[in-house]
Amino acid sequence: MDTGKTVDHPEGTGQTDELLPAQKLAKADGKRHIAALILARGGSKGIPLKNIKMLAGVPLLGWVLRAAVDSGMFQSVWVSTDHDEIEKVAKAWGAQVHRRSPEVSKDSSSSLETIQEFSRLTP
């Protein structure tokens, strides 16, 4: 999620606006795209919709998305989900959404299967 804005970092954090190695690699060949992919299935049995439960006034997913964006490592940030409410929260926090197929939304589905589907279907 490249906003084109310069990030202001608090003094003493050691953060700079220099390109990170992954970003340099992406710019070097012009073909690579570095994306963050957060897996957020809605069907949790233990805590239903735990990904959008509030913590200190922010949905759990919001904390993860904020960290991904603030890291400066990614050209885009994606959430892979099977649930409408999670999709709404993800979009509200500026993420793009990969809508999972039923095949990779089961309790028995692995993260790897979901990542492979995302890689196959996302340009």
N, C-alpha and C. Protein backbone atom coordinates (compact mmCIF):
# COMPACT_ATOMS: atom_id res chain seq x y z
N MET A 1 0.85 -1.15 0.00
CA MET A 1 0.00 0.00 0.00
C MET A 1 0.89 1.21 0.00
N ASP A 2 1.28 1.61 -1.15
CA ASP A 2 2.19 2.72 -1.34
C ASP A 2 1.38 3.99 -1.41
N THR A 3 1.46 4.80 -0.35
CA THR A 3 0.69 6.04 -0.32
C THR A 3 1.46 7.18 -0.94
N GLY A 4 2.75 6.99 -1.19
CA GLY A 4 3.57 8.03 -1.76
C GLY A 4 3.98 9.08 -0.74
N LYS A 5 3.62 8.87 0.52
CA LYS A 5 3.93 9.83 1.57
C LYS A 5 5.21 9.44 2.29
N THR A 6 5.92 10.44 2.79
CA THR A 6 7.08 10.19 3.62
C THR A 6 6.59 9.88 5.03
N VAL A 7 7.19 8.90 5.66
CA VAL A 7 6.79 8.51 7.00
C VAL A 7 7.62 9.29 8.01
N ASP A 8 6.96 9.89 8.99
CA ASP A 8 7.65 10.57 10.08
C ASP A 8 7.87 9.55 11.19
N HIS A 9 9.13 9.37 11.59
CA HIS A 9 9.46 8.41 12.63
C HIS A 9 9.84 9.16 13.90
N PRO A 10 9.39 8.67 15.06
CA PRO A 10 9.77 9.32 16.31
C PRO A 10 11.28 9.31 16.49
N GLU A 11 11.81 10.39 17.10
CA GLU A 11 13.24 10.47 17.34
C GLU A 11 13.67 9.32 18.25
N GLY A 12 14.86 8.81 18.00
CA GLY A 12 15.42 7.76 18.84
C GLY A 12 14.96 6.36 18.50
N THR A 13 14.13 6.20 17.45
CA THR A 13 13.66 4.86 17.11
C THR A 13 14.62 4.14 16.19
N GLY A 14 15.54 4.88 15.59
CA GLY A 14 16.48 4.27 14.67
C GLY A 14 15.89 4.02 13.29
N GLN A 15 14.65 4.42 13.06
CA GLN A 15 14.02 4.21 11.77
C GLN A 15 14.40 5.33 10.81
N THR A 16 14.56 4.96 9.56
CA THR A 16 14.86 5.95 8.53
C THR A 16 13.92 5.73 7.36
N ASP A 17 13.97 6.63 6.41
CA ASP A 17 13.15 6.48 5.21
C ASP A 17 13.92 5.80 4.09
N GLU A 18 15.09 5.23 4.41
CA GLU A 18 15.86 4.53 3.39
C GLU A 18 15.11 3.28 2.96
N LEU A 19 15.34 2.89 1.71
CA LEU A 19 14.72 1.66 1.23
C LEU A 19 15.29 0.46 1.96
N LEU A 20 14.43 -0.47 2.31
CA LEU A 20 14.86 -1.71 2.93
C LEU A 20 15.31 -2.66 1.83
N PRO A 21 16.11 -3.69 2.19
CA PRO A 21 16.62 -4.60 1.15
C PRO A 21 15.56 -5.16 0.23
N ALA A 22 14.42 -5.56 0.77
CA ALA A 22 13.36 -6.12 -0.07
C ALA A 22 12.83 -5.08 -1.06
N GLN A 23 12.74 -3.84 -0.61
CA GLN A 23 12.26 -2.78 -1.50
C GLN A 23 13.28 -2.48 -2.59
N LYS A 24 14.56 -2.51 -2.24
CA LYS A 24 15.61 -2.27 -3.23
C LYS A 24 15.55 -3.35 -4.31
N LEU A 25 15.36 -4.59 -3.89
CA LEU A 25 15.27 -5.70 -4.83
C LEU A 25 14.07 -5.52 -5.76
N ALA A 26 12.95 -5.12 -5.21
CA ALA A 26 11.75 -4.91 -6.02
C ALA A 26 11.96 -3.80 -7.03
N LYS A 27 12.61 -2.73 -6.62
CA LYS A 27 12.84 -1.61 -7.53
C LYS A 27 13.89 -1.96 -8.58
N ALA A 28 14.84 -2.82 -8.23
CA ALA A 28 15.94 -3.14 -9.13
C ALA A 28 15.47 -3.83 -10.40
N ASP A 29 14.59 -4.80 -10.29
CA ASP A 29 14.18 -5.51 -11.50
C ASP A 29 12.83 -5.03 -12.04
N GLY A 30 12.13 -4.22 -11.28
CA GLY A 30 10.88 -3.66 -11.75
C GLY A 30 9.75 -4.67 -11.92
N LYS A 31 9.98 -5.92 -11.60
CA LYS A 31 8.97 -6.96 -11.80
C LYS A 31 8.43 -7.49 -10.48
N ARG A 32 9.26 -7.47 -9.47
CA ARG A 32 8.84 -8.04 -8.19
C ARG A 32 7.89 -7.09 -7.47
N HIS A 33 6.99 -7.68 -6.76
CA HIS A 33 6.05 -6.91 -5.96
C HIS A 33 6.02 -7.58 -4.59
N ILE A 34 6.30 -6.82 -3.57
CA ILE A 34 6.35 -7.38 -2.22
C ILE A 34 5.05 -7.04 -1.51
N ALA A 35 4.28 -8.08 -1.22
CA ALA A 35 2.96 -7.91 -0.59
C ALA A 35 2.94 -8.58 0.77
N ALA A 36 2.24 -7.95 1.70
CA ALA A 36 1.94 -8.58 2.98
C ALA A 36 0.61 -9.31 2.81
N LEU A 37 0.53 -10.51 3.34
CA LEU A 37 -0.72 -11.27 3.28
C LEU A 37 -1.07 -11.70 4.70
N ILE A 38 -2.19 -11.20 5.19
CA ILE A 38 -2.67 -11.55 6.52
C ILE A 38 -3.85 -12.49 6.35
N LEU A 39 -3.77 -13.65 6.97
CA LEU A 39 -4.83 -14.65 6.88
C LEU A 39 -5.81 -14.41 8.03
N ALA A 40 -7.08 -14.18 7.71
CA ALA A 40 -8.08 -13.86 8.73
C ALA A 40 -9.40 -14.55 8.40
N ARG A 41 -9.46 -15.81 8.76
CA ARG A 41 -10.67 -16.59 8.51
C ARG A 41 -11.73 -16.25 9.55
N GLY A 42 -12.97 -16.25 9.14
CA GLY A 42 -14.05 -15.89 10.05
C GLY A 42 -14.57 -17.04 10.89
N GLY A 43 -14.20 -18.27 10.57
CA GLY A 43 -14.80 -19.43 11.20
C GLY A 43 -14.12 -19.97 12.44
N SER A 44 -13.49 -19.13 13.23
CA SER A 44 -12.82 -19.61 14.44
C SER A 44 -13.84 -20.24 15.39
N LYS A 45 -13.50 -21.39 15.93
CA LYS A 45 -14.40 -22.07 16.86
C LYS A 45 -14.22 -21.54 18.28
N GLY A 46 -12.99 -21.20 18.66
CA GLY A 46 -12.71 -20.75 20.02
C GLY A 46 -13.28 -19.38 20.32
N ILE A 47 -12.93 -18.40 19.51
CA ILE A 47 -13.42 -17.03 19.67
C ILE A 47 -13.93 -16.60 18.30
N PRO A 48 -15.24 -16.69 18.08
CA PRO A 48 -15.78 -16.31 16.77
C PRO A 48 -15.41 -14.87 16.39
N LEU A 49 -14.96 -14.70 15.16
CA LEU A 49 -14.57 -13.40 14.61
C LEU A 49 -13.52 -12.69 15.47
N LYS A 50 -12.59 -13.48 16.02
CA LYS A 50 -11.55 -12.90 16.88
C LYS A 50 -10.74 -11.82 16.17
N ASN A 51 -10.62 -11.91 14.86
CA ASN A 51 -9.80 -10.96 14.11
C ASN A 51 -10.34 -9.53 14.16
N ILE A 52 -11.63 -9.39 14.46
CA ILE A 52 -12.19 -8.03 14.50
C ILE A 52 -12.65 -7.64 15.90
N LYS A 53 -12.28 -8.43 16.91
CA LYS A 53 -12.55 -8.04 18.30
C LYS A 53 -11.70 -6.82 18.62
N MET A 54 -12.23 -5.95 19.47
CA MET A 54 -11.55 -4.70 19.79
C MET A 54 -10.52 -4.89 20.91
N LEU A 55 -9.40 -4.22 20.75
CA LEU A 55 -8.35 -4.17 21.77
C LEU A 55 -7.87 -2.73 21.82
N ALA A 56 -8.09 -2.07 22.95
CA ALA A 56 -7.72 -0.66 23.11
C ALA A 56 -8.34 0.20 22.01
N GLY A 57 -9.59 -0.11 21.66
CA GLY A 57 -10.31 0.69 20.69
C GLY A 57 -9.99 0.43 19.24
N VAL A 58 -9.17 -0.59 18.98
CA VAL A 58 -8.76 -0.93 17.61
C VAL A 58 -9.02 -2.42 17.39
N PRO A 59 -9.60 -2.80 16.25
CA PRO A 59 -9.78 -4.23 15.99
C PRO A 59 -8.42 -4.92 15.90
N LEU A 60 -8.35 -6.16 16.36
CA LEU A 60 -7.07 -6.90 16.31
C LEU A 60 -6.47 -6.84 14.92
N LEU A 61 -7.28 -7.00 13.90
CA LEU A 61 -6.80 -6.93 12.53
C LEU A 61 -6.20 -5.56 12.23
N GLY A 62 -6.78 -4.51 12.79
CA GLY A 62 -6.26 -3.16 12.60
C GLY A 62 -4.84 -3.01 13.11
N TRP A 63 -4.52 -3.64 14.24
CA TRP A 63 -3.16 -3.58 14.78
C TRP A 63 -2.17 -4.21 13.81
N VAL A 64 -2.55 -5.34 13.26
CA VAL A 64 -1.67 -6.05 12.32
C VAL A 64 -1.49 -5.23 11.04
N LEU A 65 -2.58 -4.69 10.54
CA LEU A 65 -2.50 -3.90 9.31
C LEU A 65 -1.67 -2.64 9.52
N ARG A 66 -1.84 -2.00 10.66
CA ARG A 66 -1.05 -0.80 10.97
C ARG A 66 0.44 -1.15 11.00
N ALA A 67 0.79 -2.27 11.62
CA ALA A 67 2.19 -2.68 11.69
C ALA A 67 2.75 -2.97 10.30
N ALA A 68 1.96 -3.63 9.46
CA ALA A 68 2.43 -3.94 8.10
C ALA A 68 2.68 -2.67 7.30
N VAL A 69 1.75 -1.73 7.39
CA VAL A 69 1.91 -0.47 6.66
C VAL A 69 3.08 0.33 7.22
N ASP A 70 3.14 0.46 8.54
CA ASP A 70 4.19 1.26 9.18
C ASP A 70 5.59 0.69 8.97
N SER A 71 5.68 -0.61 8.69
CA SER A 71 6.99 -1.22 8.48
C SER A 71 7.68 -0.67 7.24
N GLY A 72 6.89 -0.21 6.27
CA GLY A 72 7.46 0.29 5.03
C GLY A 72 8.03 -0.79 4.13
N MET A 73 7.80 -2.04 4.47
CA MET A 73 8.37 -3.16 3.72
C MET A 73 7.55 -3.56 2.50
N PHE A 74 6.29 -3.22 2.48
CA PHE A 74 5.38 -3.80 1.50
C PHE A 74 4.85 -2.78 0.51
N GLN A 75 4.71 -3.24 -0.72
CA GLN A 75 4.10 -2.41 -1.76
C GLN A 75 2.58 -2.51 -1.72
N SER A 76 2.07 -3.57 -1.16
CA SER A 76 0.63 -3.72 -0.95
C SER A 76 0.40 -4.58 0.28
N VAL A 77 -0.76 -4.38 0.89
CA VAL A 77 -1.13 -5.16 2.08
C VAL A 77 -2.49 -5.79 1.79
N TRP A 78 -2.55 -7.09 1.97
CA TRP A 78 -3.74 -7.87 1.65
C TRP A 78 -4.24 -8.62 2.88
N VAL A 79 -5.55 -8.82 2.94
CA VAL A 79 -6.16 -9.70 3.93
C VAL A 79 -6.90 -10.78 3.15
N SER A 80 -6.64 -12.03 3.51
CA SER A 80 -7.34 -13.16 2.91
C SER A 80 -8.41 -13.60 3.90
N THR A 81 -9.67 -13.52 3.48
CA THR A 81 -10.76 -13.86 4.39
C THR A 81 -11.91 -14.51 3.65
N ASP A 82 -12.80 -15.08 4.44
CA ASP A 82 -14.02 -15.69 3.91
C ASP A 82 -15.25 -15.03 4.53
N HIS A 83 -15.07 -13.89 5.19
CA HIS A 83 -16.16 -13.31 5.97
C HIS A 83 -16.38 -11.83 5.63
N ASP A 84 -17.66 -11.46 5.46
CA ASP A 84 -18.01 -10.08 5.07
C ASP A 84 -17.55 -9.04 6.08
N GLU A 85 -17.73 -9.29 7.37
CA GLU A 85 -17.36 -8.30 8.39
C GLU A 85 -15.85 -8.09 8.44
N ILE A 86 -15.09 -9.17 8.31
CA ILE A 86 -13.63 -9.05 8.29
C ILE A 86 -13.21 -8.27 7.05
N GLU A 87 -13.87 -8.53 5.94
CA GLU A 87 -13.57 -7.79 4.71
C GLU A 87 -13.80 -6.29 4.91
N LYS A 88 -14.92 -5.93 5.55
CA LYS A 88 -15.22 -4.51 5.79
C LYS A 88 -14.15 -3.84 6.65
N VAL A 89 -13.73 -4.52 7.71
CA VAL A 89 -12.70 -3.96 8.59
C VAL A 89 -11.39 -3.83 7.83
N ALA A 90 -11.02 -4.85 7.08
CA ALA A 90 -9.77 -4.81 6.31
C ALA A 90 -9.76 -3.62 5.35
N LYS A 91 -10.85 -3.43 4.63
CA LYS A 91 -10.93 -2.31 3.68
C LYS A 91 -10.91 -0.97 4.40
N ALA A 92 -11.58 -0.90 5.56
CA ALA A 92 -11.59 0.35 6.33
C ALA A 92 -10.18 0.73 6.78
N TRP A 93 -9.32 -0.25 6.97
CA TRP A 93 -7.93 -0.01 7.38
C TRP A 93 -7.00 0.06 6.18
N GLY A 94 -7.56 0.09 4.97
CA GLY A 94 -6.76 0.33 3.78
C GLY A 94 -6.18 -0.90 3.10
N ALA A 95 -6.57 -2.08 3.55
CA ALA A 95 -6.04 -3.30 2.93
C ALA A 95 -6.85 -3.68 1.70
N GLN A 96 -6.20 -4.40 0.81
CA GLN A 96 -6.91 -5.04 -0.29
C GLN A 96 -7.37 -6.40 0.22
N VAL A 97 -8.42 -6.93 -0.38
CA VAL A 97 -8.99 -8.17 0.13
C VAL A 97 -8.97 -9.26 -0.92
N HIS A 98 -8.47 -10.42 -0.51
CA HIS A 98 -8.56 -11.65 -1.30
C HIS A 98 -9.69 -12.45 -0.68
N ARG A 99 -10.74 -12.68 -1.45
CA ARG A 99 -11.87 -13.46 -0.96
C ARG A 99 -11.56 -14.93 -1.16
N ARG A 100 -11.38 -15.65 -0.08
CA ARG A 100 -11.03 -17.08 -0.14
C ARG A 100 -12.15 -17.92 -0.73
N SER A 101 -11.74 -18.97 -1.41
CA SER A 101 -12.71 -19.94 -1.90
C SER A 101 -13.13 -20.85 -0.74
N PRO A 102 -14.27 -21.51 -0.86
CA PRO A 102 -14.68 -22.45 0.19
C PRO A 102 -13.66 -23.57 0.42
N GLU A 103 -12.91 -23.92 -0.62
CA GLU A 103 -11.93 -25.00 -0.50
C GLU A 103 -10.82 -24.68 0.50
N VAL A 104 -10.46 -23.41 0.64
CA VAL A 104 -9.38 -23.06 1.58
C VAL A 104 -9.92 -22.31 2.80
N SER A 105 -11.23 -22.45 3.05
CA SER A 105 -11.85 -21.79 4.20
C SER A 105 -12.31 -22.79 5.25
N LYS A 106 -11.94 -24.03 5.10
CA LYS A 106 -12.35 -25.09 6.03
C LYS A 106 -11.44 -25.10 7.26
N ASP A 107 -11.94 -25.72 8.34
CA ASP A 107 -11.11 -25.90 9.53
C ASP A 107 -9.84 -26.68 9.20
N SER A 108 -9.95 -27.58 8.25
CA SER A 108 -8.82 -28.45 7.90
C SER A 108 -7.88 -27.82 6.87
N SER A 109 -8.21 -26.64 6.35
CA SER A 109 -7.36 -25.99 5.34
C SER A 109 -6.09 -25.46 5.98
N SER A 110 -4.99 -25.60 5.27
CA SER A 110 -3.72 -25.10 5.80
C SER A 110 -3.45 -23.68 5.32
N SER A 111 -2.59 -23.00 6.04
CA SER A 111 -2.16 -21.66 5.62
C SER A 111 -1.51 -21.74 4.26
N LEU A 112 -0.72 -22.77 4.03
CA LEU A 112 -0.03 -22.93 2.75
C LEU A 112 -1.02 -23.00 1.59
N GLU A 113 -2.11 -23.74 1.76
CA GLU A 113 -3.12 -23.83 0.70
C GLU A 113 -3.71 -22.45 0.39
N THR A 114 -3.94 -21.67 1.44
CA THR A 114 -4.50 -20.33 1.26
C THR A 114 -3.51 -19.42 0.54
N ILE A 115 -2.25 -19.49 0.93
CA ILE A 115 -1.21 -18.68 0.29
C ILE A 115 -1.05 -19.07 -1.17
N GLN A 116 -1.09 -20.36 -1.45
CA GLN A 116 -0.98 -20.83 -2.84
C GLN A 116 -2.16 -20.32 -3.67
N GLU A 117 -3.36 -20.35 -3.11
CA GLU A 117 -4.52 -19.83 -3.84
C GLU A 117 -4.35 -18.34 -4.11
N PHE A 118 -3.93 -17.59 -3.11
CA PHE A 118 -3.69 -16.15 -3.27
C PHE A 118 -2.68 -15.90 -4.39
N SER A 119 -1.59 -16.64 -4.38
CA SER A 119 -0.54 -16.47 -5.39
C SER A 119 -1.04 -16.78 -6.80
N ARG A 120 -1.89 -17.79 -6.90
CA ARG A 120 -2.44 -18.18 -8.20
C ARG A 120 -3.42 -17.14 -8.75
N LEU A 121 -4.22 -16.55 -7.86
CA LEU A 121 -5.33 -15.71 -8.31
C LEU A 121 -5.05 -14.21 -8.29
N THR A 122 -3.96 -13.80 -7.67
CA THR A 122 -3.67 -12.38 -7.54
C THR A 122 -2.52 -11.99 -8.45
N PRO A 123 -2.75 -10.99 -9.29
CA PRO A 123 -1.68 -10.58 -10.23
C PRO A 123 -0.47 -9.99 -9.52
